[in-house]
Amino acid sequence: MEYIAILDDDETLRKALGRLLEACSYRVRTYETVGAFIDSLALEAPACVITDLHMRGMTGGELQHYLGGTGRRIPIIILTGTYGRGARESCLAAGAVAFLAKPVMANTLLTAISTALGERNDS
């Protein structure tokens, strides 16, 4: 069964998002670092990635480019509390399904996940 990967260095947010998605019957794996997530790809790829834009070591945008370079088509949703000019446009142009501001409303996130999973199934 496929899962949704949640990447955020904020433990409280990771747990809250995980609980929300599990309550909606999604299988979830959470990661504090991008490196831990990348290491996990050798075992199983997620159906969708939800990542913070500003992660230590590799940003959400850099992760997006990394995944594209591996040939894996994994839909990505980017969350951020702050972003510079052009970040939204750059991430969406690179293929992000959604670029959402924190705090994100549950229904907004769930709609983005539904879109992401629909895109994955269409490919």
PDB file of N, CA and C in Angstrom:
ATOM      1  N   MET A   1       0.833  -1.182   0.000  1.00  0.00           N
ATOM      2  CA  MET A   1       0.000   0.000   0.000  1.00  0.00           C
ATOM      3  C   MET A   1       0.880   1.247   0.000  1.00  0.00           C
ATOM      4  N   GLU A   2       0.593   2.159  -0.882  1.00  0.00           N
ATOM      5  CA  GLU A   2       1.389   3.371  -0.987  1.00  0.00           C
ATOM      6  C   GLU A   2       1.131   4.299   0.197  1.00  0.00           C
ATOM      7  N   TYR A   3       2.058   5.201   0.381  1.00  0.00           N
ATOM      8  CA  TYR A   3       1.977   6.112   1.509  1.00  0.00           C
ATOM      9  C   TYR A   3       2.230   7.547   1.060  1.00  0.00           C
ATOM     10  N   ILE A   4       1.931   8.474   1.950  1.00  0.00           N
ATOM     11  CA  ILE A   4       2.233   9.883   1.739  1.00  0.00           C
ATOM     12  C   ILE A   4       3.396  10.223   2.650  1.00  0.00           C
ATOM     13  N   ALA A   5       4.435  10.824   2.091  1.00  0.00           N
ATOM     14  CA  ALA A   5       5.603  11.238   2.859  1.00  0.00           C
ATOM     15  C   ALA A   5       5.433  12.685   3.299  1.00  0.00           C
ATOM     16  N   ILE A   6       5.683  12.928   4.575  1.00  0.00           N
ATOM     17  CA  ILE A   6       5.634  14.281   5.127  1.00  0.00           C
ATOM     18  C   ILE A   6       7.041  14.639   5.596  1.00  0.00           C
ATOM     19  N   LEU A   7       7.596  15.717   5.039  1.00  0.00           N
ATOM     20  CA  LEU A   7       8.930  16.170   5.398  1.00  0.00           C
ATOM     21  C   LEU A   7       8.829  17.570   6.001  1.00  0.00           C
ATOM     22  N   ASP A   8       9.201  17.672   7.257  1.00  0.00           N
ATOM     23  CA  ASP A   8       9.232  18.984   7.903  1.00  0.00           C
ATOM     24  C   ASP A   8      10.131  18.869   9.122  1.00  0.00           C
ATOM     25  N   ASP A   9      10.968  19.873   9.345  1.00  0.00           N
ATOM     26  CA  ASP A   9      11.859  19.823  10.496  1.00  0.00           C
ATOM     27  C   ASP A   9      11.155  20.263  11.785  1.00  0.00           C
ATOM     28  N   ASP A  10       9.915  20.696  11.676  1.00  0.00           N
ATOM     29  CA  ASP A  10       9.104  21.060  12.842  1.00  0.00           C
ATOM     30  C   ASP A  10       8.325  19.822  13.291  1.00  0.00           C
ATOM     31  N   GLU A  11       8.761  19.234  14.404  1.00  0.00           N
ATOM     32  CA  GLU A  11       8.158  17.988  14.884  1.00  0.00           C
ATOM     33  C   GLU A  11       6.663  18.123  15.149  1.00  0.00           C
ATOM     34  N   THR A  12       6.261  19.239  15.726  1.00  0.00           N
ATOM     35  CA  THR A  12       4.847  19.448  16.042  1.00  0.00           C
ATOM     36  C   THR A  12       4.007  19.429  14.772  1.00  0.00           C
ATOM     37  N   LEU A  13       4.461  20.114  13.746  1.00  0.00           N
ATOM     38  CA  LEU A  13       3.723  20.140  12.482  1.00  0.00           C
ATOM     39  C   LEU A  13       3.715  18.763  11.819  1.00  0.00           C
ATOM     40  N   ARG A  14       4.863  18.080  11.838  1.00  0.00           N
ATOM     41  CA  ARG A  14       4.937  16.725  11.262  1.00  0.00           C
ATOM     42  C   ARG A  14       3.901  15.816  11.898  1.00  0.00           C
ATOM     43  N   LYS A  15       3.852  15.838  13.215  1.00  0.00           N
ATOM     44  CA  LYS A  15       2.911  14.975  13.930  1.00  0.00           C
ATOM     45  C   LYS A  15       1.468  15.365  13.635  1.00  0.00           C
ATOM     46  N   ALA A  16       1.188  16.662  13.623  1.00  0.00           N
ATOM     47  CA  ALA A  16      -0.183  17.130  13.366  1.00  0.00           C
ATOM     48  C   ALA A  16      -0.635  16.733  11.963  1.00  0.00           C
ATOM     49  N   LEU A  17       0.220  16.929  10.985  1.00  0.00           N
ATOM     50  CA  LEU A  17      -0.147  16.545   9.614  1.00  0.00           C
ATOM     51  C   LEU A  17      -0.323  15.032   9.510  1.00  0.00           C
ATOM     52  N   GLY A  18       0.566  14.293  10.171  1.00  0.00           N
ATOM     53  CA  GLY A  18       0.455  12.836  10.161  1.00  0.00           C
ATOM     54  C   GLY A  18      -0.862  12.361  10.752  1.00  0.00           C
ATOM     55  N   ARG A  19      -1.241  12.942  11.884  1.00  0.00           N
ATOM     56  CA  ARG A  19      -2.515  12.561  12.516  1.00  0.00           C
ATOM     57  C   ARG A  19      -3.708  12.919  11.631  1.00  0.00           C
ATOM     58  N   LEU A  20      -3.666  14.095  11.024  1.00  0.00           N
ATOM     59  CA  LEU A  20      -4.748  14.503  10.133  1.00  0.00           C
ATOM     60  C   LEU A  20      -4.913  13.507   8.989  1.00  0.00           C
ATOM     61  N   LEU A  21      -3.821  13.168   8.341  1.00  0.00           N
ATOM     62  CA  LEU A  21      -3.912  12.273   7.188  1.00  0.00           C
ATOM     63  C   LEU A  21      -4.277  10.854   7.592  1.00  0.00           C
ATOM     64  N   GLU A  22      -3.773  10.392   8.724  1.00  0.00           N
ATOM     65  CA  GLU A  22      -4.158   9.059   9.205  1.00  0.00           C
ATOM     66  C   GLU A  22      -5.646   9.024   9.541  1.00  0.00           C
ATOM     67  N   ALA A  23      -6.177  10.112  10.098  1.00  0.00           N
ATOM     68  CA  ALA A  23      -7.614  10.183  10.394  1.00  0.00           C
ATOM     69  C   ALA A  23      -8.448  10.138   9.114  1.00  0.00           C
ATOM     70  N   CYS A  24      -7.833  10.514   8.001  1.00  0.00           N
ATOM     71  CA  CYS A  24      -8.506  10.466   6.689  1.00  0.00           C
ATOM     72  C   CYS A  24      -8.173   9.173   5.949  1.00  0.00           C
ATOM     73  N   SER A  25      -7.617   8.199   6.674  1.00  0.00           N
ATOM     74  CA  SER A  25      -7.314   6.853   6.161  1.00  0.00           C
ATOM     75  C   SER A  25      -6.145   6.787   5.196  1.00  0.00           C
ATOM     76  N   TYR A  26      -5.245   7.759   5.249  1.00  0.00           N
ATOM     77  CA  TYR A  26      -4.024   7.691   4.454  1.00  0.00           C
ATOM     78  C   TYR A  26      -2.934   7.003   5.269  1.00  0.00           C
ATOM     79  N   ARG A  27      -2.091   6.265   4.586  1.00  0.00           N
ATOM     80  CA  ARG A  27      -0.898   5.700   5.210  1.00  0.00           C
ATOM     81  C   ARG A  27       0.179   6.783   5.131  1.00  0.00           C
ATOM     82  N   VAL A  28       0.861   7.051   6.214  1.00  0.00           N
ATOM     83  CA  VAL A  28       1.776   8.188   6.302  1.00  0.00           C
ATOM     84  C   VAL A  28       3.131   7.751   6.845  1.00  0.00           C
ATOM     85  N   ARG A  29       4.185   8.361   6.327  1.00  0.00           N
ATOM     86  CA  ARG A  29       5.526   8.257   6.913  1.00  0.00           C
ATOM     87  C   ARG A  29       6.048   9.679   7.045  1.00  0.00           C
ATOM     88  N   THR A  30       6.642   9.976   8.186  1.00  0.00           N
ATOM     89  CA  THR A  30       7.156  11.327   8.406  1.00  0.00           C
ATOM     90  C   THR A  30       8.679  11.301   8.478  1.00  0.00           C
ATOM     91  N   TYR A  31       9.271  12.407   8.059  1.00  0.00           N
ATOM     92  CA  TYR A  31      10.727  12.532   8.013  1.00  0.00           C
ATOM     93  C   TYR A  31      11.132  13.908   8.509  1.00  0.00           C
ATOM     94  N   GLU A  32      12.154  13.935   9.365  1.00  0.00           N
ATOM     95  CA  GLU A  32      12.669  15.197   9.880  1.00  0.00           C
ATOM     96  C   GLU A  32      13.649  15.836   8.901  1.00  0.00           C
ATOM     97  N   THR A  33      14.318  14.995   8.096  1.00  0.00           N
ATOM     98  CA  THR A  33      15.311  15.507   7.156  1.00  0.00           C
ATOM     99  C   THR A  33      15.062  14.973   5.751  1.00  0.00           C
ATOM    100  N   VAL A  34      15.510  15.731   4.777  1.00  0.00           N
ATOM    101  CA  VAL A  34      15.402  15.284   3.391  1.00  0.00           C
ATOM    102  C   VAL A  34      16.276  14.058   3.169  1.00  0.00           C
ATOM    103  N   GLY A  35      17.437  14.027   3.813  1.00  0.00           N
ATOM    104  CA  GLY A  35      18.337  12.885   3.674  1.00  0.00           C
ATOM    105  C   GLY A  35      17.691  11.579   4.105  1.00  0.00           C
ATOM    106  N   ALA A  36      16.969  11.604   5.217  1.00  0.00           N
ATOM    107  CA  ALA A  36      16.280  10.398   5.684  1.00  0.00           C
ATOM    108  C   ALA A  36      15.223   9.964   4.678  1.00  0.00           C
ATOM    109  N   PHE A  37      14.531  10.922   4.100  1.00  0.00           N
ATOM    110  CA  PHE A  37      13.530  10.592   3.083  1.00  0.00           C
ATOM    111  C   PHE A  37      14.191   9.984   1.852  1.00  0.00           C
ATOM    112  N   ILE A  38      15.256  10.601   1.367  1.00  0.00           N
ATOM    113  CA  ILE A  38      15.941  10.087   0.176  1.00  0.00           C
ATOM    114  C   ILE A  38      16.444   8.673   0.424  1.00  0.00           C
ATOM    115  N   ASP A  39      16.991   8.418   1.608  1.00  0.00           N
ATOM    116  CA  ASP A  39      17.449   7.065   1.946  1.00  0.00           C
ATOM    117  C   ASP A  39      16.309   6.056   1.875  1.00  0.00           C
ATOM    118  N   SER A  40      15.102   6.476   2.248  1.00  0.00           N
ATOM    119  CA  SER A  40      13.950   5.565   2.266  1.00  0.00           C
ATOM    120  C   SER A  40      13.466   5.197   0.869  1.00  0.00           C
ATOM    121  N   LEU A  41      13.840   5.984  -0.131  1.00  0.00           N
ATOM    122  CA  LEU A  41      13.366   5.722  -1.496  1.00  0.00           C
ATOM    123  C   LEU A  41      13.872   4.394  -2.052  1.00  0.00           C
ATOM    124  N   ALA A  42      14.961   3.891  -1.497  1.00  0.00           N
ATOM    125  CA  ALA A  42      15.485   2.596  -1.941  1.00  0.00           C
ATOM    126  C   ALA A  42      14.517   1.468  -1.606  1.00  0.00           C
ATOM    127  N   LEU A  43      13.692   1.663  -0.582  1.00  0.00           N
ATOM    128  CA  LEU A  43      12.747   0.636  -0.160  1.00  0.00           C
ATOM    129  C   LEU A  43      11.400   0.763  -0.855  1.00  0.00           C
ATOM    130  N   GLU A  44      10.870   1.987  -0.880  1.00  0.00           N
ATOM    131  CA  GLU A  44       9.542   2.205  -1.446  1.00  0.00           C
ATOM    132  C   GLU A  44       9.345   3.695  -1.688  1.00  0.00           C
ATOM    133  N   ALA A  45       8.807   4.033  -2.838  1.00  0.00           N
ATOM    134  CA  ALA A  45       8.522   5.430  -3.158  1.00  0.00           C
ATOM    135  C   ALA A  45       7.109   5.784  -2.712  1.00  0.00           C
ATOM    136  N   PRO A  46       6.916   7.010  -2.241  1.00  0.00           N
ATOM    137  CA  PRO A  46       5.582   7.422  -1.814  1.00  0.00           C
ATOM    138  C   PRO A  46       4.686   7.748  -2.999  1.00  0.00           C
ATOM    139  N   ALA A  47       3.397   7.807  -2.735  1.00  0.00           N
ATOM    140  CA  ALA A  47       2.438   8.229  -3.750  1.00  0.00           C
ATOM    141  C   ALA A  47       2.457   9.739  -3.897  1.00  0.00           C
ATOM    142  N   CYS A  48       2.890  10.428  -2.837  1.00  0.00           N
ATOM    143  CA  CYS A  48       2.878  11.890  -2.801  1.00  0.00           C
ATOM    144  C   CYS A  48       3.840  12.349  -1.717  1.00  0.00           C
ATOM    145  N   VAL A  49       4.458  13.514  -1.931  1.00  0.00           N
ATOM    146  CA  VAL A  49       5.344  14.115  -0.942  1.00  0.00           C
ATOM    147  C   VAL A  49       4.779  15.467  -0.533  1.00  0.00           C
ATOM    148  N   ILE A  50       4.718  15.696   0.766  1.00  0.00           N
ATOM    149  CA  ILE A  50       4.383  17.006   1.312  1.00  0.00           C
ATOM    150  C   ILE A  50       5.646  17.474   2.015  1.00  0.00           C
ATOM    151  N   THR A  51       6.212  18.592   1.582  1.00  0.00           N
ATOM    152  CA  THR A  51       7.464  19.050   2.164  1.00  0.00           C
ATOM    153  C   THR A  51       7.445  20.539   2.474  1.00  0.00           C
ATOM    154  N   ASP A  52       8.157  20.877   3.518  1.00  0.00           N
ATOM    155  CA  ASP A  52       8.391  22.268   3.844  1.00  0.00           C
ATOM    156  C   ASP A  52       9.353  22.835   2.796  1.00  0.00           C
ATOM    157  N   LEU A  53       9.171  24.082   2.435  1.00  0.00           N
ATOM    158  CA  LEU A  53      10.072  24.720   1.473  1.00  0.00           C
ATOM    159  C   LEU A  53      11.460  24.885   2.069  1.00  0.00           C
ATOM    160  N   HIS A  54      11.530  25.239   3.341  1.00  0.00           N
ATOM    161  CA  HIS A  54      12.818  25.538   3.976  1.00  0.00           C
ATOM    162  C   HIS A  54      13.240  24.412   4.909  1.00  0.00           C
ATOM    163  N   MET A  55      13.943  23.434   4.351  1.00  0.00           N
ATOM    164  CA  MET A  55      14.464  22.317   5.125  1.00  0.00           C
ATOM    165  C   MET A  55      15.984  22.457   5.231  1.00  0.00           C
ATOM    166  N   ARG A  56      16.551  21.885   6.285  1.00  0.00           N
ATOM    167  CA  ARG A  56      18.013  21.882   6.429  1.00  0.00           C
ATOM    168  C   ARG A  56      18.617  20.948   5.389  1.00  0.00           C
ATOM    169  N   GLY A  57      19.699  21.369   4.773  1.00  0.00           N
ATOM    170  CA  GLY A  57      20.434  20.517   3.847  1.00  0.00           C
ATOM    171  C   GLY A  57      19.945  20.592   2.418  1.00  0.00           C
ATOM    172  N   MET A  58      18.642  20.577   2.216  1.00  0.00           N
ATOM    173  CA  MET A  58      18.068  20.634   0.876  1.00  0.00           C
ATOM    174  C   MET A  58      16.678  21.231   1.004  1.00  0.00           C
ATOM    175  N   THR A  59      16.397  22.255   0.243  1.00  0.00           N
ATOM    176  CA  THR A  59      15.079  22.880   0.319  1.00  0.00           C
ATOM    177  C   THR A  59      14.039  22.011  -0.379  1.00  0.00           C
ATOM    178  N   GLY A  60      12.781  22.328  -0.151  1.00  0.00           N
ATOM    179  CA  GLY A  60      11.707  21.617  -0.839  1.00  0.00           C
ATOM    180  C   GLY A  60      11.825  21.756  -2.347  1.00  0.00           C
ATOM    181  N   GLY A  61      12.215  22.935  -2.813  1.00  0.00           N
ATOM    182  CA  GLY A  61      12.407  23.147  -4.250  1.00  0.00           C
ATOM    183  C   GLY A  61      13.553  22.310  -4.795  1.00  0.00           C
ATOM    184  N   GLU A  62      14.644  22.219  -4.032  1.00  0.00           N
ATOM    185  CA  GLU A  62      15.774  21.385  -4.452  1.00  0.00           C
ATOM    186  C   GLU A  62      15.388  19.913  -4.460  1.00  0.00           C
ATOM    187  N   LEU A  63      14.592  19.489  -3.478  1.00  0.00           N
ATOM    188  CA  LEU A  63      14.099  18.111  -3.460  1.00  0.00           C
ATOM    189  C   LEU A  63      13.268  17.836  -4.701  1.00  0.00           C
ATOM    190  N   GLN A  64      12.444  18.776  -5.065  1.00  0.00           N
ATOM    191  CA  GLN A  64      11.608  18.646  -6.257  1.00  0.00           C
ATOM    192  C   GLN A  64      12.481  18.404  -7.491  1.00  0.00           C
ATOM    193  N   HIS A  65      13.542  19.182  -7.635  1.00  0.00           N
ATOM    194  CA  HIS A  65      14.451  19.007  -8.776  1.00  0.00           C
ATOM    195  C   HIS A  65      15.206  17.682  -8.686  1.00  0.00           C
ATOM    196  N   TYR A  66      15.604  17.295  -7.480  1.00  0.00           N
ATOM    197  CA  TYR A  66      16.293  16.027  -7.281  1.00  0.00           C
ATOM    198  C   TYR A  66      15.416  14.858  -7.732  1.00  0.00           C
ATOM    199  N   LEU A  67      14.179  14.846  -7.273  1.00  0.00           N
ATOM    200  CA  LEU A  67      13.267  13.747  -7.639  1.00  0.00           C
ATOM    201  C   LEU A  67      13.056  13.701  -9.145  1.00  0.00           C
ATOM    202  N   GLY A  68      12.908  14.863  -9.767  1.00  0.00           N
ATOM    203  CA  GLY A  68      12.761  14.906 -11.226  1.00  0.00           C
ATOM    204  C   GLY A  68      13.977  14.340 -11.932  1.00  0.00           C
ATOM    205  N   GLY A  69      15.160  14.603 -11.372  1.00  0.00           N
ATOM    206  CA  GLY A  69      16.400  14.101 -11.963  1.00  0.00           C
ATOM    207  C   GLY A  69      16.571  12.602 -11.828  1.00  0.00           C
ATOM    208  N   THR A  70      15.875  11.979 -10.900  1.00  0.00           N
ATOM    209  CA  THR A  70      15.982  10.529 -10.727  1.00  0.00           C
ATOM    210  C   THR A  70      15.032   9.779 -11.667  1.00  0.00           C
ATOM    211  N   GLY A  71      14.166  10.545 -12.336  1.00  0.00           N
ATOM    212  CA  GLY A  71      13.194   9.909 -13.217  1.00  0.00           C
ATOM    213  C   GLY A  71      11.944   9.448 -12.502  1.00  0.00           C
ATOM    214  N   ARG A  72      11.878   9.680 -11.198  1.00  0.00           N
ATOM    215  CA  ARG A  72      10.675   9.301 -10.434  1.00  0.00           C
ATOM    216  C   ARG A  72       9.629  10.395 -10.588  1.00  0.00           C
ATOM    217  N   ARG A  73       8.432   9.993 -10.891  1.00  0.00           N
ATOM    218  CA  ARG A  73       7.328  10.950 -10.991  1.00  0.00           C
ATOM    219  C   ARG A  73       6.510  10.856  -9.703  1.00  0.00           C
ATOM    220  N   ILE A  74       6.908  11.655  -8.733  1.00  0.00           N
ATOM    221  CA  ILE A  74       6.235  11.672  -7.438  1.00  0.00           C
ATOM    222  C   ILE A  74       5.639  13.068  -7.255  1.00  0.00           C
ATOM    223  N   PRO A  75       4.333  13.170  -7.190  1.00  0.00           N
ATOM    224  CA  PRO A  75       3.718  14.485  -6.989  1.00  0.00           C
ATOM    225  C   PRO A  75       4.187  15.106  -5.681  1.00  0.00           C
ATOM    226  N   ILE A  76       4.427  16.412  -5.701  1.00  0.00           N
ATOM    227  CA  ILE A  76       4.942  17.105  -4.531  1.00  0.00           C
ATOM    228  C   ILE A  76       4.087  18.321  -4.196  1.00  0.00           C
ATOM    229  N   ILE A  77       3.832  18.471  -2.910  1.00  0.00           N
ATOM    230  CA  ILE A  77       3.100  19.621  -2.378  1.00  0.00           C
ATOM    231  C   ILE A  77       4.079  20.352  -1.471  1.00  0.00           C
ATOM    232  N   ILE A  78       4.251  21.640  -1.705  1.00  0.00           N
ATOM    233  CA  ILE A  78       5.198  22.427  -0.925  1.00  0.00           C
ATOM    234  C   ILE A  78       4.440  23.316   0.054  1.00  0.00           C
ATOM    235  N   LEU A  79       4.872  23.265   1.317  1.00  0.00           N
ATOM    236  CA  LEU A  79       4.310  24.112   2.370  1.00  0.00           C
ATOM    237  C   LEU A  79       5.373  25.110   2.817  1.00  0.00           C
ATOM    238  N   THR A  80       4.966  26.297   3.173  1.00  0.00           N
ATOM    239  CA  THR A  80       5.938  27.265   3.680  1.00  0.00           C
ATOM    240  C   THR A  80       5.281  28.301   4.571  1.00  0.00           C
ATOM    241  N   GLY A  81       6.057  28.752   5.551  1.00  0.00           N
ATOM    242  CA  GLY A  81       5.621  29.841   6.402  1.00  0.00           C
ATOM    243  C   GLY A  81       6.107  31.171   5.859  1.00  0.00           C
ATOM    244  N   THR A  82       7.249  31.137   5.199  1.00  0.00           N
ATOM    245  CA  THR A  82       7.810  32.340   4.578  1.00  0.00           C
ATOM    246  C   THR A  82       8.480  31.956   3.272  1.00  0.00           C
ATOM    247  N   TYR A  83       8.393  32.833   2.315  1.00  0.00           N
ATOM    248  CA  TYR A  83       9.074  32.566   1.051  1.00  0.00           C
ATOM    249  C   TYR A  83       9.400  33.875   0.355  1.00  0.00           C
ATOM    250  N   GLY A  84      10.467  33.813  -0.407  1.00  0.00           N
ATOM    251  CA  GLY A  84      10.910  34.984  -1.145  1.00  0.00           C
ATOM    252  C   GLY A  84      10.156  35.131  -2.455  1.00  0.00           C
ATOM    253  N   ARG A  85      10.374  36.253  -3.051  1.00  0.00           N
ATOM    254  CA  ARG A  85       9.749  36.556  -4.337  1.00  0.00           C
ATOM    255  C   ARG A  85      10.110  35.493  -5.369  1.00  0.00           C
ATOM    256  N   GLY A  86       9.127  34.976  -6.047  1.00  0.00           N
ATOM    257  CA  GLY A  86       9.349  34.014  -7.116  1.00  0.00           C
ATOM    258  C   GLY A  86       9.377  32.556  -6.687  1.00  0.00           C
ATOM    259  N   ALA A  87       9.399  32.275  -5.386  1.00  0.00           N
ATOM    260  CA  ALA A  87       9.484  30.886  -4.929  1.00  0.00           C
ATOM    261  C   ALA A  87       8.258  30.098  -5.369  1.00  0.00           C
ATOM    262  N   ARG A  88       7.083  30.657  -5.185  1.00  0.00           N
ATOM    263  CA  ARG A  88       5.836  29.981  -5.573  1.00  0.00           C
ATOM    264  C   ARG A  88       5.843  29.673  -7.060  1.00  0.00           C
ATOM    265  N   GLU A  89       6.134  30.675  -7.854  1.00  0.00           N
ATOM    266  CA  GLU A  89       6.129  30.510  -9.309  1.00  0.00           C
ATOM    267  C   GLU A  89       7.160  29.485  -9.753  1.00  0.00           C
ATOM    268  N   SER A  90       8.338  29.533  -9.142  1.00  0.00           N
ATOM    269  CA  SER A  90       9.408  28.598  -9.496  1.00  0.00           C
ATOM    270  C   SER A  90       9.014  27.152  -9.187  1.00  0.00           C
ATOM    271  N   CYS A  91       8.456  26.924  -7.997  1.00  0.00           N
ATOM    272  CA  CYS A  91       8.062  25.565  -7.610  1.00  0.00           C
ATOM    273  C   CYS A  91       6.923  25.045  -8.485  1.00  0.00           C
ATOM    274  N   LEU A  92       5.935  25.881  -8.739  1.00  0.00           N
ATOM    275  CA  LEU A  92       4.809  25.449  -9.576  1.00  0.00           C
ATOM    276  C   LEU A  92       5.264  25.201 -11.007  1.00  0.00           C
ATOM    277  N   ALA A  93       6.156  26.040 -11.516  1.00  0.00           N
ATOM    278  CA  ALA A  93       6.670  25.846 -12.876  1.00  0.00           C
ATOM    279  C   ALA A  93       7.474  24.555 -12.990  1.00  0.00           C
ATOM    280  N   ALA A  94       8.113  24.159 -11.899  1.00  0.00           N
ATOM    281  CA  ALA A  94       8.902  22.923 -11.892  1.00  0.00           C
ATOM    282  C   ALA A  94       8.033  21.688 -11.681  1.00  0.00           C
ATOM    283  N   GLY A  95       6.719  21.894 -11.475  1.00  0.00           N
ATOM    284  CA  GLY A  95       5.821  20.752 -11.409  1.00  0.00           C
ATOM    285  C   GLY A  95       5.157  20.480 -10.078  1.00  0.00           C
ATOM    286  N   ALA A  96       5.372  21.331  -9.081  1.00  0.00           N
ATOM    287  CA  ALA A  96       4.684  21.113  -7.801  1.00  0.00           C
ATOM    288  C   ALA A  96       3.180  21.151  -8.035  1.00  0.00           C
ATOM    289  N   VAL A  97       2.473  20.266  -7.367  1.00  0.00           N
ATOM    290  CA  VAL A  97       1.016  20.218  -7.472  1.00  0.00           C
ATOM    291  C   VAL A  97       0.401  21.428  -6.782  1.00  0.00           C
ATOM    292  N   ALA A  98       1.010  21.830  -5.653  1.00  0.00           N
ATOM    293  CA  ALA A  98       0.496  22.965  -4.904  1.00  0.00           C
ATOM    294  C   ALA A  98       1.628  23.604  -4.113  1.00  0.00           C
ATOM    295  N   PHE A  99       1.477  24.884  -3.841  1.00  0.00           N
ATOM    296  CA  PHE A  99       2.400  25.660  -3.021  1.00  0.00           C
ATOM    297  C   PHE A  99       1.518  26.364  -2.007  1.00  0.00           C
ATOM    298  N   LEU A 100       1.521  25.876  -0.755  1.00  0.00           N
ATOM    299  CA  LEU A 100       0.559  26.318   0.245  1.00  0.00           C
ATOM    300  C   LEU A 100       1.236  27.018   1.417  1.00  0.00           C
ATOM    301  N   ALA A 101       0.607  28.091   1.886  1.00  0.00           N
ATOM    302  CA  ALA A 101       1.125  28.834   3.023  1.00  0.00           C
ATOM    303  C   ALA A 101       0.723  28.171   4.335  1.00  0.00           C
ATOM    304  N   LYS A 102       1.655  28.166   5.293  1.00  0.00           N
ATOM    305  CA  LYS A 102       1.372  27.696   6.645  1.00  0.00           C
ATOM    306  C   LYS A 102       0.809  28.878   7.429  1.00  0.00           C
ATOM    307  N   PRO A 103      -0.098  28.669   8.321  1.00  0.00           N
ATOM    308  CA  PRO A 103      -0.738  27.380   8.590  1.00  0.00           C
ATOM    309  C   PRO A 103      -1.729  27.050   7.483  1.00  0.00           C
ATOM    310  N   VAL A 104      -1.717  25.810   7.059  1.00  0.00           N
ATOM    311  CA  VAL A 104      -2.576  25.381   5.967  1.00  0.00           C
ATOM    312  C   VAL A 104      -3.891  24.835   6.537  1.00  0.00           C
ATOM    313  N   MET A 105      -4.966  25.184   5.889  1.00  0.00           N
ATOM    314  CA  MET A 105      -6.282  24.668   6.283  1.00  0.00           C
ATOM    315  C   MET A 105      -6.375  23.201   5.860  1.00  0.00           C
ATOM    316  N   ALA A 106      -6.977  22.373   6.686  1.00  0.00           N
ATOM    317  CA  ALA A 106      -7.070  20.941   6.411  1.00  0.00           C
ATOM    318  C   ALA A 106      -7.719  20.668   5.066  1.00  0.00           C
ATOM    319  N   ASN A 107      -8.833  21.333   4.760  1.00  0.00           N
ATOM    320  CA  ASN A 107      -9.520  21.052   3.493  1.00  0.00           C
ATOM    321  C   ASN A 107      -8.677  21.471   2.295  1.00  0.00           C
ATOM    322  N   THR A 108      -7.879  22.530   2.434  1.00  0.00           N
ATOM    323  CA  THR A 108      -7.001  22.961   1.343  1.00  0.00           C
ATOM    324  C   THR A 108      -5.934  21.903   1.087  1.00  0.00           C
ATOM    325  N   LEU A 109      -5.332  21.390   2.154  1.00  0.00           N
ATOM    326  CA  LEU A 109      -4.315  20.354   2.014  1.00  0.00           C
ATOM    327  C   LEU A 109      -4.915  19.073   1.443  1.00  0.00           C
ATOM    328  N   LEU A 110      -6.067  18.674   1.931  1.00  0.00           N
ATOM    329  CA  LEU A 110      -6.700  17.440   1.447  1.00  0.00           C
ATOM    330  C   LEU A 110      -7.078  17.547  -0.029  1.00  0.00           C
ATOM    331  N   THR A 111      -7.490  18.724  -0.454  1.00  0.00           N
ATOM    332  CA  THR A 111      -7.785  18.935  -1.878  1.00  0.00           C
ATOM    333  C   THR A 111      -6.508  18.793  -2.706  1.00  0.00           C
ATOM    334  N   ALA A 112      -5.415  19.371  -2.221  1.00  0.00           N
ATOM    335  CA  ALA A 112      -4.136  19.260  -2.937  1.00  0.00           C
ATOM    336  C   ALA A 112      -3.673  17.804  -3.005  1.00  0.00           C
ATOM    337  N   ILE A 113      -3.855  17.053  -1.929  1.00  0.00           N
ATOM    338  CA  ILE A 113      -3.480  15.635  -1.925  1.00  0.00           C
ATOM    339  C   ILE A 113      -4.332  14.869  -2.936  1.00  0.00           C
ATOM    340  N   SER A 114      -5.607  15.126  -2.957  1.00  0.00           N
ATOM    341  CA  SER A 114      -6.497  14.466  -3.921  1.00  0.00           C
ATOM    342  C   SER A 114      -6.043  14.755  -5.351  1.00  0.00           C
ATOM    343  N   THR A 115      -5.686  16.001  -5.614  1.00  0.00           N
ATOM    344  CA  THR A 115      -5.182  16.371  -6.938  1.00  0.00           C
ATOM    345  C   THR A 115      -3.889  15.632  -7.239  1.00  0.00           C
ATOM    346  N   ALA A 116      -2.978  15.595  -6.263  1.00  0.00           N
ATOM    347  CA  ALA A 116      -1.694  14.919  -6.454  1.00  0.00           C
ATOM    348  C   ALA A 116      -1.874  13.434  -6.742  1.00  0.00           C
ATOM    349  N   LEU A 117      -2.739  12.782  -5.994  1.00  0.00           N
ATOM    350  CA  LEU A 117      -2.959  11.353  -6.201  1.00  0.00           C
ATOM    351  C   LEU A 117      -3.657  11.099  -7.525  1.00  0.00           C
ATOM    352  N   GLY A 118      -4.525  11.996  -7.932  1.00  0.00           N
ATOM    353  CA  GLY A 118      -5.174  11.883  -9.238  1.00  0.00           C
ATOM    354  C   GLY A 118      -4.169  12.011 -10.369  1.00  0.00           C
ATOM    355  N   GLU A 119      -3.216  12.945 -10.235  1.00  0.00           N
ATOM    356  CA  GLU A 119      -2.166  13.097 -11.255  1.00  0.00           C
ATOM    357  C   GLU A 119      -1.302  11.865 -11.332  1.00  0.00           C
ATOM    358  N   ARG A 120      -0.995  11.281 -10.186  1.00  0.00           N
ATOM    359  CA  ARG A 120      -0.167  10.076 -10.166  1.00  0.00           C
ATOM    360  C   ARG A 120      -0.881   8.934 -10.876  1.00  0.00           C
ATOM    361  N   ASN A 121      -2.160   8.809 -10.626  1.00  0.00           N
ATOM    362  CA  ASN A 121      -2.936   7.725 -11.255  1.00  0.00           C
ATOM    363  C   ASN A 121      -3.129   7.945 -12.743  1.00  0.00           C
ATOM    364  N   ASP A 122      -3.078   9.209 -13.178  1.00  0.00           N
ATOM    365  CA  ASP A 122      -3.241   9.512 -14.608  1.00  0.00           C
ATOM    366  C   ASP A 122      -1.969   9.237 -15.409  1.00  0.00           C
ATOM    367  N   SER A 123      -0.818   9.156 -14.726  1.00  0.00           N
ATOM    368  CA  SER A 123       0.432   8.982 -15.458  1.00  0.00           C
ATOM    369  C   SER A 123       0.764   7.526 -15.697  1.00  0.00           C
TER     370      SER A 123
END
